Amino acid sequence: MQSLKIRDLYLDNRRSLKLENLTGEQGLEKIITQSEIHRPGLALIGFVDIFSYERIQVLGNTEIAYLNSLNQRDRTLAIHRLVEFAIPCIIITNKNKVFNELIKFCSEREIPVFRTPYSTTQFVRGIGDYLEIKFAPSVTVHSTLVDVYGVGLLLSGRSGIGKSEVALDLIERGHRLVVDDLVKITRKGDDILIGSGNDVIQHYIEIRGLGIVDVKNMFGIRAIRLQKRIEIEVVLEEWDAKEDYERLGLEEHYGTILDVKIPQVHLPIFPGKNITVIVETIALNYLLKLLGIFPAKEFNDRLMKKISKQRRLKQFLDHDTE
């Protein structure tokens, strides 16, 4: 299960969302386990049967106005009822008034309280984007990610097969490196895979026999990207004469990463084969398909029409007895 410390939530967003910490260090080591946000209006009035207390609780204008309308006794009861649950933290928007009872009860139960000057809509949008990234499913794979003609190609295959060498050749031809060797893949939404690297290895390539190559300083800032959507996986594998490789390209092959299907091309390699040009062609062919142009299908249609025409001509000649 993905999780996030409240301390990290605060430190990552205190500037962008202007978060003000109202309860100090108390509760900052607590863990957030859900990416959704909740507004506890019903819980404040006493209906807690379906209270989503595991989520970050946001008190906006509506909740604060309701609490402000209560006398001190009822307000104290409402706040006490709210904080009886194991709430990760409370965030007050619109720089609204903070009730002493809220700070007191939250401090006793070590529930961090923050305040922001942003409206509830603005805050929820900002924190929602942040939480979506933090809680997005991710996996790290031993591959190389490059941007070729704007298409994100994930080069995979066994260690030492030549993924880094192909990437270096592509960079020399004007394409861009995202990361070599360790690609962190994050799923956004239902079907988008984003690949990136870490601060240590990003934009370095290891070439066996040569060592580490600094792509950014050697080829310039235009030769790198920080992240890229993965659109095709190119699997490099040794040539096997017994293997039945795709010849026409009529059949689409797919791989699965984080439950997302992506097109997959198995590319057999052997000495003297220009893998770099073929990888460029894979990217261009993908762009054609996005425009509704399928070369393999068009070639097959033309071939079938030619065969059909010759068959009709042969039938005519066979029956022509004059």
C-alpha atoms as a PDB file:
ATOM      1  CA  MET A   1       0.000   0.000   0.000  1.00  0.00           C
ATOM      2  CA  GLN A   2       1.290   3.477  -0.876  1.00  0.00           C
ATOM      3  CA  SER A   3       1.686   5.874   2.040  1.00  0.00           C
ATOM      4  CA  LEU A   4       2.922   9.379   2.774  1.00  0.00           C
ATOM      5  CA  LYS A   5       4.194  11.053   5.928  1.00  0.00           C
ATOM      6  CA  ILE A   6       2.351  14.194   6.936  1.00  0.00           C
ATOM      7  CA  ARG A   7       5.733  15.869   7.427  1.00  0.00           C
ATOM      8  CA  ASP A   8       6.530  15.262   3.742  1.00  0.00           C
ATOM      9  CA  LEU A   9       3.103  16.560   2.718  1.00  0.00           C
ATOM     10  CA  TYR A  10       3.755  19.747   4.673  1.00  0.00           C
ATOM     11  CA  LEU A  11       7.349  20.301   3.544  1.00  0.00           C
ATOM     12  CA  ASP A  12       6.567  19.596  -0.115  1.00  0.00           C
ATOM     13  CA  ASN A  13       3.603  22.010  -0.210  1.00  0.00           C
ATOM     14  CA  ARG A  14       4.227  24.692   2.391  1.00  0.00           C
ATOM     15  CA  ARG A  15       5.470  27.154  -0.225  1.00  0.00           C
ATOM     16  CA  SER A  16       3.305  26.298  -3.215  1.00  0.00           C
ATOM     17  CA  LEU A  17       0.099  26.103  -1.131  1.00  0.00           C
ATOM     18  CA  LYS A  18       1.265  28.512   1.601  1.00  0.00           C
ATOM     19  CA  LEU A  19       0.583  26.034   4.380  1.00  0.00           C
ATOM     20  CA  GLU A  20       0.737  27.381   7.918  1.00  0.00           C
ATOM     21  CA  ASN A  21       1.477  24.814  10.630  1.00  0.00           C
ATOM     22  CA  LEU A  22      -0.778  25.536  13.630  1.00  0.00           C
ATOM     23  CA  THR A  23       0.144  22.603  15.860  1.00  0.00           C
ATOM     24  CA  GLY A  24       3.941  22.413  15.642  1.00  0.00           C
ATOM     25  CA  GLU A  25       5.729  19.069  15.528  1.00  0.00           C
ATOM     26  CA  GLN A  26       2.872  17.031  16.950  1.00  0.00           C
ATOM     27  CA  GLY A  27       1.647  14.277  14.665  1.00  0.00           C
ATOM     28  CA  LEU A  28       3.908  15.067  11.722  1.00  0.00           C
ATOM     29  CA  GLU A  29       5.203  11.487  11.639  1.00  0.00           C
ATOM     30  CA  LYS A  30       1.696  10.126  11.071  1.00  0.00           C
ATOM     31  CA  ILE A  31       1.008   8.324   7.810  1.00  0.00           C
ATOM     32  CA  ILE A  32      -1.532   9.208   5.123  1.00  0.00           C
ATOM     33  CA  THR A  33      -2.775   6.057   3.382  1.00  0.00           C
ATOM     34  CA  GLN A  34      -5.378   7.471   0.994  1.00  0.00           C
ATOM     35  CA  SER A  35      -5.020   9.968  -1.839  1.00  0.00           C
ATOM     36  CA  GLU A  36      -8.612  11.224  -1.631  1.00  0.00           C
ATOM     37  CA  ILE A  37      -9.653  14.319   0.331  1.00  0.00           C
ATOM     38  CA  HIS A  38     -12.753  14.605   2.512  1.00  0.00           C
ATOM     39  CA  ARG A  39     -14.911  17.487   3.750  1.00  0.00           C
ATOM     40  CA  PRO A  40     -16.452  16.424   7.086  1.00  0.00           C
ATOM     41  CA  GLY A  41     -19.688  18.419   6.951  1.00  0.00           C
ATOM     42  CA  LEU A  42     -21.942  15.511   7.903  1.00  0.00           C
ATOM     43  CA  ALA A  43     -19.575  14.377  10.647  1.00  0.00           C
ATOM     44  CA  LEU A  44     -19.755  17.815  12.269  1.00  0.00           C
ATOM     45  CA  ILE A  45     -23.539  17.593  12.566  1.00  0.00           C
ATOM     46  CA  GLY A  46     -23.362  14.094  14.032  1.00  0.00           C
ATOM     47  CA  PHE A  47     -23.769  11.670  11.113  1.00  0.00           C
ATOM     48  CA  VAL A  48     -20.617   9.547  11.198  1.00  0.00           C
ATOM     49  CA  ASP A  49     -21.858   6.204   9.858  1.00  0.00           C
ATOM     50  CA  ILE A  50     -19.964   6.632   6.565  1.00  0.00           C
ATOM     51  CA  PHE A  51     -17.332   9.121   7.750  1.00  0.00           C
ATOM     52  CA  SER A  52     -14.148   8.733   5.654  1.00  0.00           C
ATOM     53  CA  TYR A  53     -11.885   9.664   8.544  1.00  0.00           C
ATOM     54  CA  GLU A  54      -8.775   8.017   6.996  1.00  0.00           C
ATOM     55  CA  ARG A  55      -8.537  10.861   4.489  1.00  0.00           C
ATOM     56  CA  ILE A  56      -7.173  14.380   4.818  1.00  0.00           C
ATOM     57  CA  GLN A  57     -10.004  16.511   6.234  1.00  0.00           C
ATOM     58  CA  VAL A  58     -10.588  19.944   4.698  1.00  0.00           C
ATOM     59  CA  LEU A  59     -12.578  22.611   6.527  1.00  0.00           C
ATOM     60  CA  GLY A  60     -13.745  25.250   4.073  1.00  0.00           C
ATOM     61  CA  ASN A  61     -16.113  28.201   4.297  1.00  0.00           C
ATOM     62  CA  THR A  62     -19.165  25.958   4.742  1.00  0.00           C
ATOM     63  CA  GLU A  63     -17.744  23.945   7.654  1.00  0.00           C
ATOM     64  CA  ILE A  64     -16.312  26.990   9.425  1.00  0.00           C
ATOM     65  CA  ALA A  65     -19.566  28.945   8.971  1.00  0.00           C
ATOM     66  CA  TYR A  66     -21.507  26.051  10.485  1.00  0.00           C
ATOM     67  CA  LEU A  67     -19.180  25.826  13.495  1.00  0.00           C
ATOM     68  CA  ASN A  68     -19.340  29.597  13.902  1.00  0.00           C
ATOM     69  CA  SER A  69     -23.144  29.426  14.016  1.00  0.00           C
ATOM     70  CA  LEU A  70     -23.085  27.128  17.055  1.00  0.00           C
ATOM     71  CA  ASN A  71     -22.874  28.203  20.658  1.00  0.00           C
ATOM     72  CA  GLN A  72     -19.656  27.302  22.439  1.00  0.00           C
ATOM     73  CA  ARG A  73     -21.022  24.116  24.022  1.00  0.00           C
ATOM     74  CA  ASP A  74     -22.386  22.685  20.739  1.00  0.00           C
ATOM     75  CA  ARG A  75     -19.269  23.736  18.832  1.00  0.00           C
ATOM     76  CA  THR A  76     -17.075  21.970  21.383  1.00  0.00           C
ATOM     77  CA  LEU A  77     -19.178  18.803  21.052  1.00  0.00           C
ATOM     78  CA  ALA A  78     -19.035  18.947  17.237  1.00  0.00           C
ATOM     79  CA  ILE A  79     -15.255  19.362  17.167  1.00  0.00           C
ATOM     80  CA  HIS A  80     -14.760  16.683  19.830  1.00  0.00           C
ATOM     81  CA  ARG A  81     -16.933  14.282  17.821  1.00  0.00           C
ATOM     82  CA  LEU A  82     -14.783  14.944  14.753  1.00  0.00           C
ATOM     83  CA  VAL A  83     -11.382  14.386  16.366  1.00  0.00           C
ATOM     84  CA  GLU A  84     -12.443  11.186  18.138  1.00  0.00           C
ATOM     85  CA  PHE A  85     -11.568   9.459  14.876  1.00  0.00           C
ATOM     86  CA  ALA A  86      -7.997   8.679  13.749  1.00  0.00           C
ATOM     87  CA  ILE A  87      -7.813  11.601  11.324  1.00  0.00           C
ATOM     88  CA  PRO A  88      -4.403  12.040   9.641  1.00  0.00           C
ATOM     89  CA  CYS A  89      -4.604  15.858   9.547  1.00  0.00           C
ATOM     90  CA  ILE A  90      -6.957  18.820   9.153  1.00  0.00           C
ATOM     91  CA  ILE A  91      -6.475  21.673   6.694  1.00  0.00           C
ATOM     92  CA  ILE A  92      -8.413  24.938   6.962  1.00  0.00           C
ATOM     93  CA  THR A  93      -8.821  26.903   3.727  1.00  0.00           C
ATOM     94  CA  ASN A  94      -9.527  30.564   2.909  1.00  0.00           C
ATOM     95  CA  LYS A  95      -7.409  31.580   5.943  1.00  0.00           C
ATOM     96  CA  ASN A  96     -10.532  31.037   7.993  1.00  0.00           C
ATOM     97  CA  LYS A  97     -10.834  31.471  11.714  1.00  0.00           C
ATOM     98  CA  VAL A  98      -9.271  28.727  13.823  1.00  0.00           C
ATOM     99  CA  PHE A  99     -11.241  27.795  16.920  1.00  0.00           C
ATOM    100  CA  ASN A 100      -9.335  27.322  20.151  1.00  0.00           C
ATOM    101  CA  GLU A 101     -11.253  24.118  20.815  1.00  0.00           C
ATOM    102  CA  LEU A 102     -10.009  22.663  17.527  1.00  0.00           C
ATOM    103  CA  ILE A 103      -6.359  23.390  18.283  1.00  0.00           C
ATOM    104  CA  LYS A 104      -6.726  22.083  21.844  1.00  0.00           C
ATOM    105  CA  PHE A 105      -8.382  18.778  20.931  1.00  0.00           C
ATOM    106  CA  CYS A 106      -6.143  18.174  17.920  1.00  0.00           C
ATOM    107  CA  SER A 107      -3.006  18.839  19.983  1.00  0.00           C
ATOM    108  CA  GLU A 108      -4.180  16.342  22.594  1.00  0.00           C
ATOM    109  CA  ARG A 109      -4.736  13.669  19.931  1.00  0.00           C
ATOM    110  CA  GLU A 110      -1.643  14.682  17.898  1.00  0.00           C
ATOM    111  CA  ILE A 111      -3.648  15.581  14.807  1.00  0.00           C
ATOM    112  CA  PRO A 112      -1.733  18.201  12.773  1.00  0.00           C
ATOM    113  CA  VAL A 113      -3.717  21.277  11.754  1.00  0.00           C
ATOM    114  CA  PHE A 114      -2.689  23.471   8.820  1.00  0.00           C
ATOM    115  CA  ARG A 115      -4.153  26.596   7.284  1.00  0.00           C
ATOM    116  CA  THR A 116      -3.927  28.023   3.769  1.00  0.00           C
ATOM    117  CA  PRO A 117      -5.093  31.329   2.261  1.00  0.00           C
ATOM    118  CA  TYR A 118      -6.234  29.535  -0.894  1.00  0.00           C
ATOM    119  CA  SER A 119      -9.885  28.821  -1.544  1.00  0.00           C
ATOM    120  CA  THR A 120     -11.095  25.275  -1.045  1.00  0.00           C
ATOM    121  CA  THR A 121     -11.360  24.714  -4.804  1.00  0.00           C
ATOM    122  CA  GLN A 122      -7.836  25.992  -5.453  1.00  0.00           C
ATOM    123  CA  PHE A 123      -6.379  24.040  -2.567  1.00  0.00           C
ATOM    124  CA  VAL A 124      -8.117  20.760  -3.440  1.00  0.00           C
ATOM    125  CA  ARG A 125      -6.926  21.065  -7.039  1.00  0.00           C
ATOM    126  CA  GLY A 126      -3.330  21.683  -5.970  1.00  0.00           C
ATOM    127  CA  ILE A 127      -3.120  19.054  -3.253  1.00  0.00           C
ATOM    128  CA  GLY A 128      -5.057  16.585  -5.408  1.00  0.00           C
ATOM    129  CA  ASP A 129      -2.434  16.755  -8.174  1.00  0.00           C
ATOM    130  CA  TYR A 130       0.322  16.271  -5.605  1.00  0.00           C
ATOM    131  CA  LEU A 131      -1.375  13.278  -3.964  1.00  0.00           C
ATOM    132  CA  GLU A 132      -2.129  11.670  -7.329  1.00  0.00           C
ATOM    133  CA  ILE A 133       1.590  11.664  -8.107  1.00  0.00           C
ATOM    134  CA  LYS A 134       2.604  10.438  -4.650  1.00  0.00           C
ATOM    135  CA  PHE A 135       0.074   7.609  -4.576  1.00  0.00           C
ATOM    136  CA  ALA A 136       0.400   6.583  -8.211  1.00  0.00           C
ATOM    137  CA  PRO A 137       1.421   2.931  -8.707  1.00  0.00           C
ATOM    138  CA  SER A 138       5.067   2.657  -9.777  1.00  0.00           C
ATOM    139  CA  VAL A 139       7.741   0.109 -10.601  1.00  0.00           C
ATOM    140  CA  THR A 140      11.449   0.304 -11.437  1.00  0.00           C
ATOM    141  CA  VAL A 141      12.761  -1.727 -14.389  1.00  0.00           C
ATOM    142  CA  HIS A 142      16.205  -2.371 -15.873  1.00  0.00           C
ATOM    143  CA  SER A 143      15.655  -0.677 -19.219  1.00  0.00           C
ATOM    144  CA  THR A 144      16.533   2.475 -21.143  1.00  0.00           C
ATOM    145  CA  LEU A 145      14.046   5.198 -22.013  1.00  0.00           C
ATOM    146  CA  VAL A 146      14.569   7.495 -24.994  1.00  0.00           C
ATOM    147  CA  ASP A 147      12.520  10.092 -26.832  1.00  0.00           C
ATOM    148  CA  VAL A 148      12.655   9.407 -30.571  1.00  0.00           C
ATOM    149  CA  TYR A 149      10.749  11.871 -32.765  1.00  0.00           C
ATOM    150  CA  GLY A 150       8.579  12.654 -29.734  1.00  0.00           C
ATOM    151  CA  VAL A 151       7.724   8.982 -29.115  1.00  0.00           C
ATOM    152  CA  GLY A 152       8.735   7.446 -25.785  1.00  0.00           C
ATOM    153  CA  LEU A 153      10.540   4.168 -26.497  1.00  0.00           C
ATOM    154  CA  LEU A 154      11.393   1.798 -23.650  1.00  0.00           C
ATOM    155  CA  LEU A 155      14.370  -0.311 -24.716  1.00  0.00           C
ATOM    156  CA  SER A 156      14.384  -3.589 -22.805  1.00  0.00           C
ATOM    157  CA  GLY A 157      16.284  -6.854 -22.988  1.00  0.00           C
ATOM    158  CA  ARG A 158      18.871  -8.824 -21.058  1.00  0.00           C
ATOM    159  CA  SER A 159      21.811  -7.087 -19.416  1.00  0.00           C
ATOM    160  CA  GLY A 160      24.623  -6.424 -21.888  1.00  0.00           C
ATOM    161  CA  ILE A 161      22.545  -6.842 -25.037  1.00  0.00           C
ATOM    162  CA  GLY A 162      23.235  -3.257 -26.145  1.00  0.00           C
ATOM    163  CA  LYS A 163      20.420  -1.032 -24.866  1.00  0.00           C
ATOM    164  CA  SER A 164      22.806   1.720 -23.744  1.00  0.00           C
ATOM    165  CA  GLU A 165      24.775   1.604 -27.009  1.00  0.00           C
ATOM    166  CA  VAL A 166      21.583   1.995 -29.047  1.00  0.00           C
ATOM    167  CA  ALA A 167      20.541   4.915 -26.830  1.00  0.00           C
ATOM    168  CA  LEU A 168      23.939   6.595 -27.280  1.00  0.00           C
ATOM    169  CA  ASP A 169      23.702   6.207 -31.052  1.00  0.00           C
ATOM    170  CA  LEU A 170      20.181   7.711 -31.002  1.00  0.00           C
ATOM    171  CA  ILE A 171      21.414  10.682 -28.946  1.00  0.00           C
ATOM    172  CA  GLU A 172      24.234  11.269 -31.441  1.00  0.00           C
ATOM    173  CA  ARG A 173      21.567  11.370 -34.177  1.00  0.00           C
ATOM    174  CA  GLY A 174      19.665  14.123 -32.362  1.00  0.00           C
ATOM    175  CA  HIS A 175      17.225  12.195 -30.151  1.00  0.00           C
ATOM    176  CA  ARG A 176      16.909  12.524 -26.384  1.00  0.00           C
ATOM    177  CA  LEU A 177      17.737  10.417 -23.358  1.00  0.00           C
ATOM    178  CA  VAL A 178      15.400  10.205 -20.400  1.00  0.00           C
ATOM    179  CA  VAL A 179      17.204   7.601 -18.300  1.00  0.00           C
ATOM    180  CA  ASP A 180      19.501   4.634 -18.766  1.00  0.00           C
ATOM    181  CA  ASP A 181      19.581   1.378 -16.797  1.00  0.00           C
ATOM    182  CA  LEU A 182      16.985   2.070 -14.070  1.00  0.00           C
ATOM    183  CA  VAL A 183      13.664   3.477 -15.280  1.00  0.00           C
ATOM    184  CA  LYS A 184      11.028   4.388 -12.718  1.00  0.00           C
ATOM    185  CA  ILE A 185       7.630   3.877 -14.346  1.00  0.00           C
ATOM    186  CA  THR A 186       4.601   5.569 -12.806  1.00  0.00           C
ATOM    187  CA  ARG A 187       1.003   5.011 -13.856  1.00  0.00           C
ATOM    188  CA  LYS A 188      -1.125   8.127 -14.102  1.00  0.00           C
ATOM    189  CA  GLY A 189      -4.843   7.679 -14.520  1.00  0.00           C
ATOM    190  CA  ASP A 190      -5.869   4.371 -16.031  1.00  0.00           C
ATOM    191  CA  ASP A 191      -3.589   4.061 -19.043  1.00  0.00           C
ATOM    192  CA  ILE A 192      -0.695   6.544 -18.982  1.00  0.00           C
ATOM    193  CA  LEU A 193       2.819   5.358 -18.110  1.00  0.00           C
ATOM    194  CA  ILE A 194       5.440   8.005 -17.309  1.00  0.00           C
ATOM    195  CA  GLY A 195       9.111   7.064 -17.159  1.00  0.00           C
ATOM    196  CA  SER A 196      11.765   8.979 -15.236  1.00  0.00           C
ATOM    197  CA  GLY A 197      15.089   8.484 -13.468  1.00  0.00           C
ATOM    198  CA  ASN A 198      16.571   9.414 -10.115  1.00  0.00           C
ATOM    199  CA  ASP A 199      18.924  12.268  -9.289  1.00  0.00           C
ATOM    200  CA  VAL A 200      21.990  10.024  -9.178  1.00  0.00           C
ATOM    201  CA  ILE A 201      21.921   8.161 -12.504  1.00  0.00           C
ATOM    202  CA  GLN A 202      19.741  10.450 -14.616  1.00  0.00           C
ATOM    203  CA  HIS A 203      21.382  11.498 -17.895  1.00  0.00           C
ATOM    204  CA  TYR A 204      24.391   9.225 -17.427  1.00  0.00           C
ATOM    205  CA  ILE A 205      24.991   6.199 -19.637  1.00  0.00           C
ATOM    206  CA  GLU A 206      27.247   3.257 -18.846  1.00  0.00           C
ATOM    207  CA  ILE A 207      29.039   1.936 -21.915  1.00  0.00           C
ATOM    208  CA  ARG A 208      30.892  -1.329 -21.337  1.00  0.00           C
ATOM    209  CA  GLY A 209      34.578  -0.894 -22.132  1.00  0.00           C
ATOM    210  CA  LEU A 210      34.348   2.898 -21.921  1.00  0.00           C
ATOM    211  CA  GLY A 211      32.629   3.692 -18.627  1.00  0.00           C
ATOM    212  CA  ILE A 212      30.219   6.449 -17.619  1.00  0.00           C
ATOM    213  CA  VAL A 213      29.173   9.020 -20.226  1.00  0.00           C
ATOM    214  CA  ASP A 214      27.676  12.363 -19.120  1.00  0.00           C
ATOM    215  CA  VAL A 215      25.069  12.923 -21.828  1.00  0.00           C
ATOM    216  CA  LYS A 216      23.950  16.386 -20.712  1.00  0.00           C
ATOM    217  CA  ASN A 217      27.437  17.902 -20.672  1.00  0.00           C
ATOM    218  CA  MET A 218      28.707  16.015 -23.693  1.00  0.00           C
ATOM    219  CA  PHE A 219      25.748  16.519 -26.061  1.00  0.00           C
ATOM    220  CA  GLY A 220      23.990  19.526 -24.503  1.00  0.00           C
ATOM    221  CA  ILE A 221      20.693  20.240 -22.779  1.00  0.00           C
ATOM    222  CA  ARG A 222      18.725  19.353 -25.932  1.00  0.00           C
ATOM    223  CA  ALA A 223      19.867  15.738 -25.647  1.00  0.00           C
ATOM    224  CA  ILE A 224      17.960  15.027 -22.417  1.00  0.00           C
ATOM    225  CA  ARG A 225      14.484  14.932 -20.922  1.00  0.00           C
ATOM    226  CA  LEU A 226      13.441  14.671 -17.284  1.00  0.00           C
ATOM    227  CA  GLN A 227      10.518  12.354 -17.999  1.00  0.00           C
ATOM    228  CA  LYS A 228       8.537  10.956 -20.927  1.00  0.00           C
ATOM    229  CA  ARG A 229       5.385   9.022 -21.547  1.00  0.00           C
ATOM    230  CA  ILE A 230       6.151   5.421 -22.526  1.00  0.00           C
ATOM    231  CA  GLU A 231       4.361   4.574 -25.771  1.00  0.00           C
ATOM    232  CA  ILE A 232       6.204   1.540 -27.148  1.00  0.00           C
ATOM    233  CA  GLU A 233       8.390  -1.155 -25.623  1.00  0.00           C
ATOM    234  CA  VAL A 234      11.185  -2.346 -27.910  1.00  0.00           C
ATOM    235  CA  VAL A 235      12.490  -5.712 -26.729  1.00  0.00           C
ATOM    236  CA  LEU A 236      16.045  -6.375 -27.947  1.00  0.00           C
ATOM    237  CA  GLU A 237      16.874 -10.068 -28.234  1.00  0.00           C
ATOM    238  CA  GLU A 238      19.514 -12.241 -29.885  1.00  0.00           C
ATOM    239  CA  TRP A 239      18.764 -13.503 -33.367  1.00  0.00           C
ATOM    240  CA  ASP A 240      17.443 -17.059 -33.358  1.00  0.00           C
ATOM    241  CA  ALA A 241      17.197 -18.751 -36.754  1.00  0.00           C
ATOM    242  CA  LYS A 242      14.529 -21.082 -35.379  1.00  0.00           C
ATOM    243  CA  GLU A 243      12.305 -18.234 -34.230  1.00  0.00           C
ATOM    244  CA  ASP A 244       9.361 -17.155 -36.391  1.00  0.00           C
ATOM    245  CA  TYR A 245       9.717 -13.370 -36.416  1.00  0.00           C
ATOM    246  CA  GLU A 246       7.063 -10.924 -37.628  1.00  0.00           C
ATOM    247  CA  ARG A 247       7.513 -10.251 -41.348  1.00  0.00           C
ATOM    248  CA  LEU A 248       4.589  -8.062 -42.386  1.00  0.00           C
ATOM    249  CA  GLY A 249       3.593  -6.356 -39.153  1.00  0.00           C
ATOM    250  CA  LEU A 250      -0.085  -7.214 -39.525  1.00  0.00           C
ATOM    251  CA  GLU A 251      -0.326  -8.644 -36.031  1.00  0.00           C
ATOM    252  CA  GLU A 252      -0.067  -6.208 -33.143  1.00  0.00           C
ATOM    253  CA  HIS A 253       1.827  -7.375 -30.079  1.00  0.00           C
ATOM    254  CA  TYR A 254       1.379  -5.907 -26.613  1.00  0.00           C
ATOM    255  CA  GLY A 255       3.138  -5.994 -23.290  1.00  0.00           C
ATOM    256  CA  THR A 256       1.728  -5.068 -19.898  1.00  0.00           C
ATOM    257  CA  ILE A 257       3.278  -2.722 -17.346  1.00  0.00           C
ATOM    258  CA  LEU A 258       1.363  -1.813 -14.179  1.00  0.00           C
ATOM    259  CA  ASP A 259      -1.774  -3.303 -15.792  1.00  0.00           C
ATOM    260  CA  VAL A 260      -1.448  -0.968 -18.785  1.00  0.00           C
ATOM    261  CA  LYS A 261      -1.192  -2.488 -22.274  1.00  0.00           C
ATOM    262  CA  ILE A 262       1.426  -0.907 -24.532  1.00  0.00           C
ATOM    263  CA  PRO A 263       2.549  -1.871 -28.053  1.00  0.00           C
ATOM    264  CA  GLN A 264       5.567  -4.166 -28.008  1.00  0.00           C
ATOM    265  CA  VAL A 265       8.096  -4.838 -30.775  1.00  0.00           C
ATOM    266  CA  HIS A 266      10.516  -7.760 -30.518  1.00  0.00           C
ATOM    267  CA  LEU A 267      13.672  -6.763 -32.386  1.00  0.00           C
ATOM    268  CA  PRO A 268      16.215  -9.510 -33.136  1.00  0.00           C
ATOM    269  CA  ILE A 269      19.776  -8.235 -33.327  1.00  0.00           C
ATOM    270  CA  PHE A 270      23.038  -9.568 -34.784  1.00  0.00           C
ATOM    271  CA  PRO A 271      26.384  -7.991 -35.770  1.00  0.00           C
ATOM    272  CA  GLY A 272      26.086  -5.543 -38.646  1.00  0.00           C
ATOM    273  CA  LYS A 273      22.365  -4.891 -38.239  1.00  0.00           C
ATOM    274  CA  ASN A 274      21.568  -1.162 -37.964  1.00  0.00           C
ATOM    275  CA  ILE A 275      19.408  -1.246 -34.850  1.00  0.00           C
ATOM    276  CA  THR A 276      19.365   2.540 -34.451  1.00  0.00           C
ATOM    277  CA  VAL A 277      17.712   3.160 -37.831  1.00  0.00           C
ATOM    278  CA  ILE A 278      15.198   0.394 -37.162  1.00  0.00           C
ATOM    279  CA  VAL A 279      14.330   1.951 -33.781  1.00  0.00           C
ATOM    280  CA  GLU A 280      13.798   5.305 -35.516  1.00  0.00           C
ATOM    281  CA  THR A 281      11.546   3.543 -38.028  1.00  0.00           C
ATOM    282  CA  ILE A 282       9.528   1.981 -35.187  1.00  0.00           C
ATOM    283  CA  ALA A 283       8.865   5.475 -33.812  1.00  0.00           C
ATOM    284  CA  LEU A 284       7.902   6.873 -37.234  1.00  0.00           C
ATOM    285  CA  ASN A 285       5.658   3.900 -37.962  1.00  0.00           C
ATOM    286  CA  TYR A 286       3.892   4.496 -34.627  1.00  0.00           C
ATOM    287  CA  LEU A 287       3.291   8.133 -35.602  1.00  0.00           C
ATOM    288  CA  LEU A 288       1.795   7.018 -38.928  1.00  0.00           C
ATOM    289  CA  LYS A 289      -0.591   4.698 -37.090  1.00  0.00           C
ATOM    290  CA  LEU A 290      -1.704   7.601 -34.890  1.00  0.00           C
ATOM    291  CA  LEU A 291      -2.689   9.368 -38.125  1.00  0.00           C
ATOM    292  CA  GLY A 292      -4.645   6.330 -39.291  1.00  0.00           C
ATOM    293  CA  ILE A 293      -2.011   5.104 -41.745  1.00  0.00           C
ATOM    294  CA  PHE A 294      -1.199   1.384 -41.459  1.00  0.00           C
ATOM    295  CA  PRO A 295       1.477   0.448 -44.041  1.00  0.00           C
ATOM    296  CA  ALA A 296       1.328  -3.291 -43.385  1.00  0.00           C
ATOM    297  CA  LYS A 297      -2.454  -3.385 -43.783  1.00  0.00           C
ATOM    298  CA  GLU A 298      -2.344  -1.236 -46.923  1.00  0.00           C
ATOM    299  CA  PHE A 299       0.337  -3.477 -48.437  1.00  0.00           C
ATOM    300  CA  ASN A 300      -1.687  -6.583 -47.596  1.00  0.00           C
ATOM    301  CA  ASP A 301      -4.838  -5.073 -49.154  1.00  0.00           C
ATOM    302  CA  ARG A 302      -2.951  -4.239 -52.352  1.00  0.00           C
ATOM    303  CA  LEU A 303      -1.499  -7.739 -52.463  1.00  0.00           C
ATOM    304  CA  MET A 304      -4.919  -9.358 -51.995  1.00  0.00           C
ATOM    305  CA  LYS A 305      -6.427  -7.181 -54.717  1.00  0.00           C
ATOM    306  CA  LYS A 306      -3.597  -8.142 -57.080  1.00  0.00           C
ATOM    307  CA  ILE A 307      -4.049 -11.840 -56.354  1.00  0.00           C
ATOM    308  CA  SER A 308      -7.821 -11.561 -56.821  1.00  0.00           C
ATOM    309  CA  LYS A 309      -7.382  -9.737 -60.124  1.00  0.00           C
ATOM    310  CA  GLN A 310      -4.948 -12.370 -61.429  1.00  0.00           C
ATOM    311  CA  ARG A 311      -7.298 -15.153 -60.314  1.00  0.00           C
ATOM    312  CA  ARG A 312     -10.213 -13.591 -62.246  1.00  0.00           C
ATOM    313  CA  LEU A 313      -8.000 -13.133 -65.305  1.00  0.00           C
ATOM    314  CA  LYS A 314      -6.882 -16.762 -65.147  1.00  0.00           C
ATOM    315  CA  GLN A 315     -10.498 -17.943 -64.880  1.00  0.00           C
ATOM    316  CA  PHE A 316     -11.386 -15.875 -67.929  1.00  0.00           C
ATOM    317  CA  LEU A 317      -8.503 -17.234 -69.981  1.00  0.00           C
ATOM    318  CA  ASP A 318      -9.287 -20.815 -68.925  1.00  0.00           C
ATOM    319  CA  HIS A 319     -12.836 -20.451 -70.244  1.00  0.00           C
ATOM    320  CA  ASP A 320     -11.875 -18.540 -73.398  1.00  0.00           C
ATOM    321  CA  THR A 321     -12.109 -21.164 -76.167  1.00  0.00           C
ATOM    322  CA  GLU A 322     -12.305 -18.862 -79.173  1.00  0.00           C
END
